[in-house]
Every structure is written in C-alpha cells, then in structure tokens.
Amino acid sequence: LGEPQQAFIQFLRQESARDSILLGPLQNLFSGREYSCELK
C-alpha cells in the first residue's frame, strides 16, 4: 500500500514544481503554487 501511495505523492510534488516552472516569473503572483497539484 505504501509504495504506490508514496509514488503518487511524489508525482504530485513533481507536477506542482513543474507548474511553478511553467509559470516562470509570474509564479509569485499565485498563492498555493507550492501545493497546487496536491490540492487539485
């Protein structure tokens, strides 16, 4: 149970980081960007 759950959480973290990179300098305008995928 733990390994797929860990992989999912890591996937969310990576995708949130990717979203921030895609936003570039605008990322600081968005609150919650650090956890956007976890929240979604």
PDB file of all heavy atoms in Angstrom:
ATOM      1  N   LEU A   1       0.827  -1.210   0.000  1.00  0.00           N
ATOM      2  CA  LEU A   1       0.000   0.000   0.000  1.00  0.00           C
ATOM      3  C   LEU A   1       0.861   1.259   0.000  1.00  0.00           C
ATOM      4  O   LEU A   1       0.532   2.251  -0.635  1.00  0.00           O
ATOM      5  CB  LEU A   1      -0.921   0.034   1.224  1.00  0.00           C
ATOM      6  CG  LEU A   1      -2.033  -0.990   1.293  1.00  0.00           C
ATOM      7  CD1 LEU A   1      -2.792  -0.849   2.603  1.00  0.00           C
ATOM      8  CD2 LEU A   1      -2.969  -0.841   0.122  1.00  0.00           C
ATOM      9  N   GLY A   2       1.955   1.192   0.722  1.00  0.00           N
ATOM     10  CA  GLY A   2       2.806   2.365   0.901  1.00  0.00           C
ATOM     11  C   GLY A   2       3.536   2.815  -0.342  1.00  0.00           C
ATOM     12  O   GLY A   2       3.620   4.017  -0.615  1.00  0.00           O
ATOM     13  N   GLU A   3       4.064   1.886  -1.116  1.00  0.00           N
ATOM     14  CA  GLU A   3       4.854   2.282  -2.286  1.00  0.00           C
ATOM     15  C   GLU A   3       4.025   3.028  -3.335  1.00  0.00           C
ATOM     16  O   GLU A   3       4.455   4.086  -3.801  1.00  0.00           O
ATOM     17  CB  GLU A   3       5.571   1.073  -2.882  1.00  0.00           C
ATOM     18  CG  GLU A   3       6.732   0.624  -2.021  1.00  0.00           C
ATOM     19  CD  GLU A   3       7.452  -0.596  -2.561  1.00  0.00           C
ATOM     20  OE1 GLU A   3       7.022  -1.163  -3.589  1.00  0.00           O
ATOM     21  OE2 GLU A   3       8.450  -0.984  -1.939  1.00  0.00           O
ATOM     22  N   PRO A   4       2.837   2.546  -3.716  1.00  0.00           N
ATOM     23  CA  PRO A   4       2.041   3.326  -4.679  1.00  0.00           C
ATOM     24  C   PRO A   4       1.593   4.677  -4.109  1.00  0.00           C
ATOM     25  O   PRO A   4       1.535   5.667  -4.829  1.00  0.00           O
ATOM     26  CB  PRO A   4       0.833   2.439  -4.981  1.00  0.00           C
ATOM     27  CG  PRO A   4       1.188   1.087  -4.487  1.00  0.00           C
ATOM     28  CD  PRO A   4       2.223   1.258  -3.431  1.00  0.00           C
ATOM     29  N   GLN A   5       1.320   4.723  -2.826  1.00  0.00           N
ATOM     30  CA  GLN A   5       0.905   5.977  -2.192  1.00  0.00           C
ATOM     31  C   GLN A   5       2.061   6.980  -2.208  1.00  0.00           C
ATOM     32  O   GLN A   5       1.878   8.146  -2.540  1.00  0.00           O
ATOM     33  CB  GLN A   5       0.453   5.689  -0.751  1.00  0.00           C
ATOM     34  CG  GLN A   5      -0.297   6.815  -0.112  1.00  0.00           C
ATOM     35  CD  GLN A   5      -1.716   6.961  -0.611  1.00  0.00           C
ATOM     36  OE1 GLN A   5      -2.248   6.116  -1.322  1.00  0.00           O
ATOM     37  NE2 GLN A   5      -2.356   8.049  -0.251  1.00  0.00           N
ATOM     38  N   GLN A   6       3.249   6.513  -1.869  1.00  0.00           N
ATOM     39  CA  GLN A   6       4.444   7.368  -1.906  1.00  0.00           C
ATOM     40  C   GLN A   6       4.687   7.867  -3.325  1.00  0.00           C
ATOM     41  O   GLN A   6       5.003   9.041  -3.537  1.00  0.00           O
ATOM     42  CB  GLN A   6       5.684   6.584  -1.443  1.00  0.00           C
ATOM     43  CG  GLN A   6       5.641   6.124  -0.028  1.00  0.00           C
ATOM     44  CD  GLN A   6       6.105   7.194   0.944  1.00  0.00           C
ATOM     45  OE1 GLN A   6       5.788   8.357   0.780  1.00  0.00           O
ATOM     46  NE2 GLN A   6       6.839   6.785   1.944  1.00  0.00           N
ATOM     47  N   ALA A   7       4.559   6.985  -4.306  1.00  0.00           N
ATOM     48  CA  ALA A   7       4.788   7.359  -5.708  1.00  0.00           C
ATOM     49  C   ALA A   7       3.777   8.419  -6.141  1.00  0.00           C
ATOM     50  O   ALA A   7       4.134   9.361  -6.861  1.00  0.00           O
ATOM     51  CB  ALA A   7       4.709   6.128  -6.608  1.00  0.00           C
ATOM     52  N   PHE A   8       2.537   8.298  -5.696  1.00  0.00           N
ATOM     53  CA  PHE A   8       1.511   9.285  -6.040  1.00  0.00           C
ATOM     54  C   PHE A   8       1.850  10.647  -5.428  1.00  0.00           C
ATOM     55  O   PHE A   8       1.788  11.679  -6.114  1.00  0.00           O
ATOM     56  CB  PHE A   8       0.137   8.803  -5.567  1.00  0.00           C
ATOM     57  CG  PHE A   8      -0.981   9.757  -5.871  1.00  0.00           C
ATOM     58  CD1 PHE A   8      -1.322  10.055  -7.180  1.00  0.00           C
ATOM     59  CD2 PHE A   8      -1.695  10.355  -4.845  1.00  0.00           C
ATOM     60  CE1 PHE A   8      -2.367  10.945  -7.474  1.00  0.00           C
ATOM     61  CE2 PHE A   8      -2.737  11.235  -5.121  1.00  0.00           C
ATOM     62  CZ  PHE A   8      -3.067  11.530  -6.440  1.00  0.00           C
ATOM     63  N   ILE A   9       2.237  10.667  -4.171  1.00  0.00           N
ATOM     64  CA  ILE A   9       2.593  11.921  -3.511  1.00  0.00           C
ATOM     65  C   ILE A   9       3.802  12.558  -4.207  1.00  0.00           C
ATOM     66  O   ILE A   9       3.814  13.770  -4.451  1.00  0.00           O
ATOM     67  CB  ILE A   9       2.853  11.696  -2.003  1.00  0.00           C
ATOM     68  CG1 ILE A   9       1.529  11.338  -1.307  1.00  0.00           C
ATOM     69  CG2 ILE A   9       3.494  12.925  -1.357  1.00  0.00           C
ATOM     70  CD1 ILE A   9       1.675  10.850   0.122  1.00  0.00           C
ATOM     71  N   GLN A  10       4.795  11.760  -4.563  1.00  0.00           N
ATOM     72  CA  GLN A  10       5.961  12.305  -5.270  1.00  0.00           C
ATOM     73  C   GLN A  10       5.564  12.846  -6.643  1.00  0.00           C
ATOM     74  O   GLN A  10       6.060  13.880  -7.078  1.00  0.00           O
ATOM     75  CB  GLN A  10       7.062  11.255  -5.394  1.00  0.00           C
ATOM     76  CG  GLN A  10       7.754  10.948  -4.085  1.00  0.00           C
ATOM     77  CD  GLN A  10       8.214  12.206  -3.357  1.00  0.00           C
ATOM     78  OE1 GLN A  10       8.834  13.083  -3.940  1.00  0.00           O
ATOM     79  NE2 GLN A  10       7.893  12.298  -2.069  1.00  0.00           N
ATOM     80  N   PHE A  11       4.677  12.151  -7.334  1.00  0.00           N
ATOM     81  CA  PHE A  11       4.176  12.628  -8.621  1.00  0.00           C
ATOM     82  C   PHE A  11       3.521  14.000  -8.445  1.00  0.00           C
ATOM     83  O   PHE A  11       3.768  14.931  -9.229  1.00  0.00           O
ATOM     84  CB  PHE A  11       3.179  11.625  -9.206  1.00  0.00           C
ATOM     85  CG  PHE A  11       2.428  12.138 -10.396  1.00  0.00           C
ATOM     86  CD1 PHE A  11       3.011  12.144 -11.656  1.00  0.00           C
ATOM     87  CD2 PHE A  11       1.138  12.629 -10.263  1.00  0.00           C
ATOM     88  CE1 PHE A  11       2.323  12.630 -12.756  1.00  0.00           C
ATOM     89  CE2 PHE A  11       0.439  13.114 -11.359  1.00  0.00           C
ATOM     90  CZ  PHE A  11       1.038  13.118 -12.611  1.00  0.00           C
ATOM     91  N   LEU A  12       2.680  14.146  -7.421  1.00  0.00           N
ATOM     92  CA  LEU A  12       2.016  15.429  -7.176  1.00  0.00           C
ATOM     93  C   LEU A  12       3.028  16.529  -6.901  1.00  0.00           C
ATOM     94  O   LEU A  12       2.906  17.642  -7.425  1.00  0.00           O
ATOM     95  CB  LEU A  12       1.039  15.311  -6.002  1.00  0.00           C
ATOM     96  CG  LEU A  12      -0.149  14.379  -6.214  1.00  0.00           C
ATOM     97  CD1 LEU A  12      -0.950  14.254  -4.926  1.00  0.00           C
ATOM     98  CD2 LEU A  12      -1.022  14.846  -7.362  1.00  0.00           C
ATOM     99  N   ARG A  13       4.030  16.230  -6.101  1.00  0.00           N
ATOM    100  CA  ARG A  13       5.063  17.226  -5.789  1.00  0.00           C
ATOM    101  C   ARG A  13       5.814  17.643  -7.060  1.00  0.00           C
ATOM    102  O   ARG A  13       6.082  18.827  -7.274  1.00  0.00           O
ATOM    103  CB  ARG A  13       6.035  16.682  -4.764  1.00  0.00           C
ATOM    104  CG  ARG A  13       5.384  16.395  -3.417  1.00  0.00           C
ATOM    105  CD  ARG A  13       6.356  16.575  -2.284  1.00  0.00           C
ATOM    106  NE  ARG A  13       5.908  15.985  -1.051  1.00  0.00           N
ATOM    107  CZ  ARG A  13       4.907  16.439  -0.305  1.00  0.00           C
ATOM    108  NH1 ARG A  13       4.211  17.472  -0.694  1.00  0.00           N
ATOM    109  NH2 ARG A  13       4.596  15.853   0.831  1.00  0.00           N
ATOM    110  N   GLN A  14       6.158  16.671  -7.892  1.00  0.00           N
ATOM    111  CA  GLN A  14       6.875  16.981  -9.132  1.00  0.00           C
ATOM    112  C   GLN A  14       6.009  17.828 -10.075  1.00  0.00           C
ATOM    113  O   GLN A  14       6.507  18.759 -10.711  1.00  0.00           O
ATOM    114  CB  GLN A  14       7.304  15.693  -9.827  1.00  0.00           C
ATOM    115  CG  GLN A  14       8.386  14.950  -9.091  1.00  0.00           C
ATOM    116  CD  GLN A  14       8.581  13.529  -9.586  1.00  0.00           C
ATOM    117  OE1 GLN A  14       7.808  13.028 -10.393  1.00  0.00           O
ATOM    118  NE2 GLN A  14       9.603  12.864  -9.077  1.00  0.00           N
ATOM    119  N   GLU A  15       4.737  17.502 -10.159  1.00  0.00           N
ATOM    120  CA  GLU A  15       3.855  18.255 -11.043  1.00  0.00           C
ATOM    121  C   GLU A  15       3.594  19.669 -10.517  1.00  0.00           C
ATOM    122  O   GLU A  15       3.481  20.613 -11.306  1.00  0.00           O
ATOM    123  CB  GLU A  15       2.543  17.499 -11.267  1.00  0.00           C
ATOM    124  CG  GLU A  15       2.727  16.231 -12.079  1.00  0.00           C
ATOM    125  CD  GLU A  15       3.323  16.492 -13.466  1.00  0.00           C
ATOM    126  OE1 GLU A  15       2.860  17.419 -14.158  1.00  0.00           O
ATOM    127  OE2 GLU A  15       4.252  15.766 -13.852  1.00  0.00           O
ATOM    128  N   SER A  16       3.514  19.837  -9.197  1.00  0.00           N
ATOM    129  CA  SER A  16       3.386  21.184  -8.634  1.00  0.00           C
ATOM    130  C   SER A  16       4.628  22.009  -8.967  1.00  0.00           C
ATOM    131  O   SER A  16       4.524  23.188  -9.335  1.00  0.00           O
ATOM    132  CB  SER A  16       3.183  21.132  -7.114  1.00  0.00           C
ATOM    133  OG  SER A  16       1.902  20.651  -6.795  1.00  0.00           O
ATOM    134  N   ALA A  17       5.805  21.388  -8.841  1.00  0.00           N
ATOM    135  CA  ALA A  17       7.056  22.079  -9.191  1.00  0.00           C
ATOM    136  C   ALA A  17       7.078  22.424 -10.678  1.00  0.00           C
ATOM    137  O   ALA A  17       7.492  23.519 -11.069  1.00  0.00           O
ATOM    138  CB  ALA A  17       8.257  21.216  -8.820  1.00  0.00           C
ATOM    139  N   ARG A  18       6.609  21.506 -11.495  1.00  0.00           N
ATOM    140  CA  ARG A  18       6.549  21.758 -12.945  1.00  0.00           C
ATOM    141  C   ARG A  18       5.618  22.925 -13.257  1.00  0.00           C
ATOM    142  O   ARG A  18       5.931  23.773 -14.094  1.00  0.00           O
ATOM    143  CB  ARG A  18       6.083  20.489 -13.656  1.00  0.00           C
ATOM    144  CG  ARG A  18       6.047  20.612 -15.148  1.00  0.00           C
ATOM    145  CD  ARG A  18       5.656  19.288 -15.770  1.00  0.00           C
ATOM    146  NE  ARG A  18       5.578  19.432 -17.209  1.00  0.00           N
ATOM    147  CZ  ARG A  18       5.066  18.537 -18.015  1.00  0.00           C
ATOM    148  NH1 ARG A  18       4.608  17.400 -17.534  1.00  0.00           N
ATOM    149  NH2 ARG A  18       5.021  18.747 -19.305  1.00  0.00           N
ATOM    150  N   ASP A  19       4.467  22.980 -12.582  1.00  0.00           N
ATOM    151  CA  ASP A  19       3.544  24.098 -12.778  1.00  0.00           C
ATOM    152  C   ASP A  19       4.226  25.427 -12.442  1.00  0.00           C
ATOM    153  O   ASP A  19       4.063  26.413 -13.158  1.00  0.00           O
ATOM    154  CB  ASP A  19       2.294  23.938 -11.915  1.00  0.00           C
ATOM    155  CG  ASP A  19       1.326  22.905 -12.463  1.00  0.00           C
ATOM    156  OD1 ASP A  19       1.525  22.425 -13.607  1.00  0.00           O
ATOM    157  OD2 ASP A  19       0.363  22.570 -11.745  1.00  0.00           O
ATOM    158  N   SER A  20       4.989  25.445 -11.356  1.00  0.00           N
ATOM    159  CA  SER A  20       5.696  26.668 -10.976  1.00  0.00           C
ATOM    160  C   SER A  20       6.709  27.083 -12.038  1.00  0.00           C
ATOM    161  O   SER A  20       6.822  28.257 -12.378  1.00  0.00           O
ATOM    162  CB  SER A  20       6.401  26.489  -9.625  1.00  0.00           C
ATOM    163  OG  SER A  20       5.454  26.452  -8.592  1.00  0.00           O
ATOM    164  N   ILE A  21       7.418  26.107 -12.579  1.00  0.00           N
ATOM    165  CA  ILE A  21       8.392  26.401 -13.628  1.00  0.00           C
ATOM    166  C   ILE A  21       7.686  26.953 -14.862  1.00  0.00           C
ATOM    167  O   ILE A  21       8.148  27.921 -15.482  1.00  0.00           O
ATOM    168  CB  ILE A  21       9.214  25.144 -13.971  1.00  0.00           C
ATOM    169  CG1 ILE A  21      10.144  24.810 -12.803  1.00  0.00           C
ATOM    170  CG2 ILE A  21      10.016  25.326 -15.262  1.00  0.00           C
ATOM    171  CD1 ILE A  21      10.788  23.435 -12.895  1.00  0.00           C
ATOM    172  N   LEU A  22       6.554  26.353 -15.226  1.00  0.00           N
ATOM    173  CA  LEU A  22       5.810  26.826 -16.393  1.00  0.00           C
ATOM    174  C   LEU A  22       5.297  28.256 -16.211  1.00  0.00           C
ATOM    175  O   LEU A  22       5.179  29.004 -17.185  1.00  0.00           O
ATOM    176  CB  LEU A  22       4.643  25.884 -16.699  1.00  0.00           C
ATOM    177  CG  LEU A  22       5.029  24.493 -17.205  1.00  0.00           C
ATOM    178  CD1 LEU A  22       3.807  23.594 -17.285  1.00  0.00           C
ATOM    179  CD2 LEU A  22       5.723  24.581 -18.557  1.00  0.00           C
ATOM    180  N   LEU A  23       5.010  28.635 -14.979  1.00  0.00           N
ATOM    181  CA  LEU A  23       4.552  29.996 -14.710  1.00  0.00           C
ATOM    182  C   LEU A  23       5.693  31.007 -14.802  1.00  0.00           C
ATOM    183  O   LEU A  23       5.447  32.205 -14.980  1.00  0.00           O
ATOM    184  CB  LEU A  23       3.897  30.082 -13.334  1.00  0.00           C
ATOM    185  CG  LEU A  23       2.535  29.429 -13.197  1.00  0.00           C
ATOM    186  CD1 LEU A  23       2.122  29.375 -11.732  1.00  0.00           C
ATOM    187  CD2 LEU A  23       1.505  30.181 -14.019  1.00  0.00           C
ATOM    188  N   GLY A  24       6.916  30.529 -14.647  1.00  0.00           N
ATOM    189  CA  GLY A  24       8.078  31.417 -14.726  1.00  0.00           C
ATOM    190  C   GLY A  24       8.007  32.517 -13.687  1.00  0.00           C
ATOM    191  O   GLY A  24       7.632  32.285 -12.542  1.00  0.00           O
ATOM    192  N   PRO A  25       8.351  33.746 -14.091  1.00  0.00           N
ATOM    193  CA  PRO A  25       8.378  34.847 -13.124  1.00  0.00           C
ATOM    194  C   PRO A  25       7.001  35.197 -12.559  1.00  0.00           C
ATOM    195  O   PRO A  25       6.907  35.853 -11.530  1.00  0.00           O
ATOM    196  CB  PRO A  25       8.951  36.032 -13.908  1.00  0.00           C
ATOM    197  CG  PRO A  25       9.073  35.604 -15.320  1.00  0.00           C
ATOM    198  CD  PRO A  25       8.809  34.138 -15.410  1.00  0.00           C
ATOM    199  N   LEU A  26       5.947  34.740 -13.211  1.00  0.00           N
ATOM    200  CA  LEU A  26       4.596  35.021 -12.713  1.00  0.00           C
ATOM    201  C   LEU A  26       4.213  34.150 -11.513  1.00  0.00           C
ATOM    202  O   LEU A  26       3.200  34.423 -10.861  1.00  0.00           O
ATOM    203  CB  LEU A  26       3.570  34.817 -13.832  1.00  0.00           C
ATOM    204  CG  LEU A  26       3.707  35.719 -15.048  1.00  0.00           C
ATOM    205  CD1 LEU A  26       2.680  35.327 -16.100  1.00  0.00           C
ATOM    206  CD2 LEU A  26       3.550  37.173 -14.650  1.00  0.00           C
ATOM    207  N   GLN A  27       5.000  33.118 -11.227  1.00  0.00           N
ATOM    208  CA  GLN A  27       4.621  32.181 -10.172  1.00  0.00           C
ATOM    209  C   GLN A  27       4.396  32.847  -8.824  1.00  0.00           C
ATOM    210  O   GLN A  27       3.558  32.416  -8.043  1.00  0.00           O
ATOM    211  CB  GLN A  27       5.635  31.054 -10.058  1.00  0.00           C
ATOM    212  CG  GLN A  27       6.993  31.478  -9.547  1.00  0.00           C
ATOM    213  CD  GLN A  27       7.929  30.314  -9.424  1.00  0.00           C
ATOM    214  OE1 GLN A  27       7.662  29.396  -8.667  1.00  0.00           O
ATOM    215  NE2 GLN A  27       9.008  30.352 -10.173  1.00  0.00           N
ATOM    216  N   ASN A  28       5.113  33.923  -8.549  1.00  0.00           N
ATOM    217  CA  ASN A  28       4.958  34.587  -7.251  1.00  0.00           C
ATOM    218  C   ASN A  28       3.627  35.312  -7.108  1.00  0.00           C
ATOM    219  O   ASN A  28       3.271  35.735  -6.017  1.00  0.00           O
ATOM    220  CB  ASN A  28       6.121  35.551  -7.014  1.00  0.00           C
ATOM    221  CG  ASN A  28       7.420  34.793  -6.832  1.00  0.00           C
ATOM    222  OD1 ASN A  28       7.429  33.670  -6.327  1.00  0.00           O
ATOM    223  ND2 ASN A  28       8.515  35.383  -7.264  1.00  0.00           N
ATOM    224  N   LEU A  29       2.895  35.444  -8.194  1.00  0.00           N
ATOM    225  CA  LEU A  29       1.579  36.075  -8.132  1.00  0.00           C
ATOM    226  C   LEU A  29       0.497  35.117  -7.641  1.00  0.00           C
ATOM    227  O   LEU A  29      -0.602  35.539  -7.299  1.00  0.00           O
ATOM    228  CB  LEU A  29       1.174  36.602  -9.514  1.00  0.00           C
ATOM    229  CG  LEU A  29       2.072  37.679 -10.123  1.00  0.00           C
ATOM    230  CD1 LEU A  29       1.611  38.000 -11.538  1.00  0.00           C
ATOM    231  CD2 LEU A  29       2.078  38.927  -9.253  1.00  0.00           C
ATOM    232  N   PHE A  30       0.813  33.824  -7.633  1.00  0.00           N
ATOM    233  CA  PHE A  30      -0.183  32.808  -7.307  1.00  0.00           C
ATOM    234  C   PHE A  30       0.088  32.189  -5.947  1.00  0.00           C
ATOM    235  O   PHE A  30       1.104  31.524  -5.750  1.00  0.00           O
ATOM    236  CB  PHE A  30      -0.192  31.717  -8.381  1.00  0.00           C
ATOM    237  CG  PHE A  30      -0.583  32.226  -9.732  1.00  0.00           C
ATOM    238  CD1 PHE A  30       0.378  32.598 -10.650  1.00  0.00           C
ATOM    239  CD2 PHE A  30      -1.915  32.356 -10.074  1.00  0.00           C
ATOM    240  CE1 PHE A  30       0.028  33.085 -11.897  1.00  0.00           C
ATOM    241  CE2 PHE A  30      -2.289  32.844 -11.309  1.00  0.00           C
ATOM    242  CZ  PHE A  30      -1.317  33.215 -12.230  1.00  0.00           C
ATOM    243  N   SER A  31      -0.833  32.389  -5.016  1.00  0.00           N
ATOM    244  CA  SER A  31      -0.683  31.719  -3.726  1.00  0.00           C
ATOM    245  C   SER A  31      -1.057  30.251  -3.906  1.00  0.00           C
ATOM    246  O   SER A  31      -1.898  29.911  -4.736  1.00  0.00           O
ATOM    247  CB  SER A  31      -1.577  32.373  -2.674  1.00  0.00           C
ATOM    248  OG  SER A  31      -2.927  32.224  -3.017  1.00  0.00           O
ATOM    249  N   GLY A  32      -0.414  29.397  -3.169  1.00  0.00           N
ATOM    250  CA  GLY A  32      -0.714  27.975  -3.234  1.00  0.00           C
ATOM    251  C   GLY A  32       0.005  27.219  -4.330  1.00  0.00           C
ATOM    252  O   GLY A  32      -0.235  26.042  -4.530  1.00  0.00           O
ATOM    253  N   ARG A  33       0.915  27.872  -5.028  1.00  0.00           N
ATOM    254  CA  ARG A  33       1.602  27.187  -6.130  1.00  0.00           C
ATOM    255  C   ARG A  33       2.440  26.018  -5.633  1.00  0.00           C
ATOM    256  O   ARG A  33       2.658  25.068  -6.355  1.00  0.00           O
ATOM    257  CB  ARG A  33       2.454  28.173  -6.920  1.00  0.00           C
ATOM    258  CG  ARG A  33       3.634  28.689  -6.136  1.00  0.00           C
ATOM    259  CD  ARG A  33       4.407  29.762  -6.862  1.00  0.00           C
ATOM    260  NE  ARG A  33       5.515  30.222  -6.056  1.00  0.00           N
ATOM    261  CZ  ARG A  33       5.409  31.046  -5.036  1.00  0.00           C
ATOM    262  NH1 ARG A  33       4.235  31.502  -4.679  1.00  0.00           N
ATOM    263  NH2 ARG A  33       6.474  31.412  -4.342  1.00  0.00           N
ATOM    264  N   GLU A  34       2.903  26.075  -4.369  1.00  0.00           N
ATOM    265  CA  GLU A  34       3.743  25.004  -3.824  1.00  0.00           C
ATOM    266  C   GLU A  34       2.984  23.697  -3.659  1.00  0.00           C
ATOM    267  O   GLU A  34       3.582  22.636  -3.580  1.00  0.00           O
ATOM    268  CB  GLU A  34       4.336  25.392  -2.463  1.00  0.00           C
ATOM    269  CG  GLU A  34       5.125  26.665  -2.446  1.00  0.00           C
ATOM    270  CD  GLU A  34       4.299  27.858  -1.984  1.00  0.00           C
ATOM    271  OE1 GLU A  34       3.044  27.836  -2.119  1.00  0.00           O
ATOM    272  OE2 GLU A  34       4.905  28.821  -1.503  1.00  0.00           O
ATOM    273  N   TYR A  35       1.677  23.777  -3.587  1.00  0.00           N
ATOM    274  CA  TYR A  35       0.862  22.580  -3.352  1.00  0.00           C
ATOM    275  C   TYR A  35      -0.316  22.496  -4.319  1.00  0.00           C
ATOM    276  O   TYR A  35      -1.321  21.852  -4.038  1.00  0.00           O
ATOM    277  CB  TYR A  35       0.362  22.548  -1.902  1.00  0.00           C
ATOM    278  CG  TYR A  35      -0.341  23.803  -1.446  1.00  0.00           C
ATOM    279  CD1 TYR A  35      -1.688  24.004  -1.700  1.00  0.00           C
ATOM    280  CD2 TYR A  35       0.364  24.793  -0.760  1.00  0.00           C
ATOM    281  CE1 TYR A  35      -2.329  25.152  -1.283  1.00  0.00           C
ATOM    282  CE2 TYR A  35      -0.266  25.948  -0.339  1.00  0.00           C
ATOM    283  CZ  TYR A  35      -1.619  26.129  -0.604  1.00  0.00           C
ATOM    284  OH  TYR A  35      -2.247  27.267  -0.189  1.00  0.00           O
ATOM    285  N   SER A  36      -0.198  23.108  -5.485  1.00  0.00           N
ATOM    286  CA  SER A  36      -1.329  23.186  -6.405  1.00  0.00           C
ATOM    287  C   SER A  36      -1.865  21.815  -6.811  1.00  0.00           C
ATOM    288  O   SER A  36      -3.069  21.597  -6.819  1.00  0.00           O
ATOM    289  CB  SER A  36      -0.962  24.006  -7.648  1.00  0.00           C
ATOM    290  OG  SER A  36       0.098  23.404  -8.361  1.00  0.00           O
ATOM    291  N   CYS A  37      -0.984  20.891  -7.149  1.00  0.00           N
ATOM    292  CA  CYS A  37      -1.461  19.567  -7.580  1.00  0.00           C
ATOM    293  C   CYS A  37      -1.979  18.740  -6.411  1.00  0.00           C
ATOM    294  O   CYS A  37      -2.948  17.989  -6.568  1.00  0.00           O
ATOM    295  CB  CYS A  37      -0.359  18.835  -8.342  1.00  0.00           C
ATOM    296  SG  CYS A  37      -0.069  19.586  -9.968  1.00  0.00           S
ATOM    297  N   GLU A  38      -1.353  18.864  -5.255  1.00  0.00           N
ATOM    298  CA  GLU A  38      -1.847  18.159  -4.074  1.00  0.00           C
ATOM    299  C   GLU A  38      -3.278  18.606  -3.766  1.00  0.00           C
ATOM    300  O   GLU A  38      -4.150  17.794  -3.467  1.00  0.00           O
ATOM    301  CB  GLU A  38      -0.932  18.425  -2.868  1.00  0.00           C
ATOM    302  CG  GLU A  38       0.453  17.841  -2.995  1.00  0.00           C
ATOM    303  CD  GLU A  38       1.476  18.768  -3.653  1.00  0.00           C
ATOM    304  OE1 GLU A  38       1.104  19.584  -4.532  1.00  0.00           O
ATOM    305  OE2 GLU A  38       2.658  18.656  -3.297  1.00  0.00           O
ATOM    306  N   LEU A  39      -3.508  19.924  -3.875  1.00  0.00           N
ATOM    307  CA  LEU A  39      -4.839  20.470  -3.606  1.00  0.00           C
ATOM    308  C   LEU A  39      -5.839  20.031  -4.674  1.00  0.00           C
ATOM    309  O   LEU A  39      -6.960  19.630  -4.350  1.00  0.00           O
ATOM    310  CB  LEU A  39      -4.774  21.997  -3.527  1.00  0.00           C
ATOM    311  CG  LEU A  39      -6.101  22.714  -3.290  1.00  0.00           C
ATOM    312  CD1 LEU A  39      -6.763  22.240  -2.000  1.00  0.00           C
ATOM    313  CD2 LEU A  39      -5.875  24.219  -3.268  1.00  0.00           C
ATOM    314  N   LYS A  40      -5.458  20.084  -5.939  1.00  0.00           N
ATOM    315  CA  LYS A  40      -6.378  19.694  -7.014  1.00  0.00           C
ATOM    316  C   LYS A  40      -6.777  18.218  -6.907  1.00  0.00           C
ATOM    317  O   LYS A  40      -7.937  17.868  -7.137  1.00  0.00           O
ATOM    318  CB  LYS A  40      -5.739  19.949  -8.373  1.00  0.00           C
ATOM    319  CG  LYS A  40      -5.602  21.409  -8.726  1.00  0.00           C
ATOM    320  CD  LYS A  40      -4.882  21.522 -10.068  1.00  0.00           C
ATOM    321  CE  LYS A  40      -4.305  22.880 -10.306  1.00  0.00           C
ATOM    322  NZ  LYS A  40      -3.522  22.928 -11.541  1.00  0.00           N
TER     323      LYS A  40
END
